[in-house]
Every structure is written in structure tokens, then in C-alpha cells.
Amino acid sequence: MKITRNDILFIVAVLFAVWFVAVGWVWVYYANIIYALPFGIASLAIWLFIKKDHKKRNKIIPSLLVIGMVVSLLWLLYIVYTKH
């Protein structure tokens, strides 16, 4: 099996999206902006580039990004409402 550029980009995008999900809850001193969001944005950009090959595997990237965004926003809301 020949590995194409899109295969490598897919793996990178999935790794970035998983990192975004794993670190998205870290809002201590707004560390999320430095440690999670750039990886989420990079994963989204890669996904937008590779989604043109119409492979089923590309559906996992936006799912992971949505999960990461939900986790990040819910944790931020939790922090905001428990500080008061």
C-alpha cells in the first residue's frame, strides 16, 4: 500500500484533534489558548484541505473537534460560574 500525502495529513490531523480534546479543558491562566486551540485550528485547516478526497475516515476529525470544543467551552463555563 502506498502512503499518500493525504494519509500523512490525516494522521497528523487526528493526532492534533485528539490533543485538542485531551487538553481543551485546561483553562488555568488561559493555557488553553496556547496549548490546545492552535492544535484544534491546525487540525481543522488540515481537514478542510484533505476532505476533498471524500474518504469515510475524514468524518472522525470534525467529530473530535466538536467534542474538544464542547469540552473546552463547558469547562470554561464551569470555571466562570464557580468563581462567583
Protein backbone atom coordinates (compact mmCIF):
# COMPACT_ATOMS: atom_id res chain seq x y z
CA MET A 1 0.00 0.00 0.00
CA LYS A 2 1.37 3.35 -0.99
CA ILE A 3 1.14 6.10 1.61
CA THR A 4 -0.04 9.37 0.12
CA ARG A 5 0.32 12.91 1.37
CA ASN A 6 -3.35 12.89 2.42
CA ASP A 7 -2.73 9.77 4.52
CA ILE A 8 0.02 11.55 6.44
CA LEU A 9 -2.07 14.71 6.78
CA PHE A 10 -4.98 12.64 8.07
CA ILE A 11 -2.81 11.08 10.78
CA VAL A 12 -1.45 14.49 11.78
CA ALA A 13 -4.95 16.00 11.86
CA VAL A 14 -6.27 13.17 14.03
CA LEU A 15 -3.33 13.50 16.44
CA PHE A 16 -3.88 17.27 16.66
CA ALA A 17 -7.62 16.77 17.21
CA VAL A 18 -7.01 14.19 19.95
CA TRP A 19 -4.57 16.60 21.61
CA PHE A 20 -7.24 19.32 21.38
CA VAL A 21 -9.77 17.03 23.08
CA ALA A 22 -7.29 15.96 25.76
CA VAL A 23 -6.00 19.43 26.63
CA GLY A 24 -9.07 21.51 25.80
CA TRP A 25 -10.24 21.63 29.42
CA VAL A 26 -7.06 23.37 30.64
CA TRP A 27 -8.19 26.94 31.29
CA VAL A 28 -5.77 27.70 34.12
CA TYR A 29 -4.32 31.11 33.31
CA TYR A 30 -5.84 30.73 29.82
CA ALA A 31 -3.34 27.99 28.97
CA ASN A 32 -5.95 26.58 26.60
CA ILE A 33 -5.21 29.38 24.16
CA ILE A 34 -1.55 28.33 23.98
CA TYR A 35 -1.66 24.55 24.43
CA ALA A 36 -4.93 23.42 22.83
CA LEU A 37 -6.53 25.90 20.44
CA PRO A 38 -3.64 26.13 17.94
CA PHE A 39 -3.77 22.35 17.52
CA GLY A 40 -7.54 22.45 17.03
CA ILE A 41 -7.22 25.18 14.41
CA ALA A 42 -4.39 23.33 12.65
CA SER A 43 -6.43 20.13 12.63
CA LEU A 44 -9.41 21.99 11.17
CA ALA A 45 -7.22 23.53 8.45
CA ILE A 46 -5.75 20.14 7.54
CA TRP A 47 -9.22 18.59 7.48
CA LEU A 48 -10.50 21.32 5.17
CA PHE A 49 -7.61 20.53 2.84
CA ILE A 50 -7.97 16.73 2.82
CA LYS A 51 -11.76 16.40 2.91
CA LYS A 52 -11.79 16.75 -0.87
CA ASP A 53 -10.71 13.12 -1.28
CA HIS A 54 -14.16 12.05 0.08
CA LYS A 55 -12.91 9.16 2.22
CA LYS A 56 -15.05 7.90 5.11
CA ARG A 57 -12.14 8.25 7.51
CA ASN A 58 -12.30 12.04 7.26
CA LYS A 59 -15.53 12.08 9.31
CA ILE A 60 -13.64 11.43 12.55
CA ILE A 61 -11.73 14.72 12.51
CA PRO A 62 -14.71 17.10 12.75
CA SER A 63 -16.27 14.80 15.36
CA LEU A 64 -13.17 15.05 17.53
CA LEU A 65 -13.01 18.80 17.03
CA VAL A 66 -16.63 19.23 18.10
CA ILE A 67 -16.01 17.10 21.20
CA GLY A 68 -12.95 19.19 22.02
CA MET A 69 -14.83 22.43 21.54
CA VAL A 70 -17.73 21.26 23.74
CA VAL A 71 -15.38 20.06 26.49
CA SER A 72 -13.44 23.32 26.35
CA LEU A 73 -16.49 25.56 26.46
CA LEU A 74 -18.26 23.57 29.18
CA TRP A 75 -15.15 23.63 31.34
CA LEU A 76 -14.78 27.38 30.81
CA LEU A 77 -18.41 27.91 31.81
CA TYR A 78 -17.87 25.76 34.88
CA ILE A 79 -14.87 27.85 35.90
CA VAL A 80 -16.73 31.13 35.31
CA TYR A 81 -19.80 30.12 37.30
CA THR A 82 -17.99 28.52 40.22
CA LYS A 83 -15.75 31.55 40.83
CA HIS A 84 -18.73 33.69 41.87
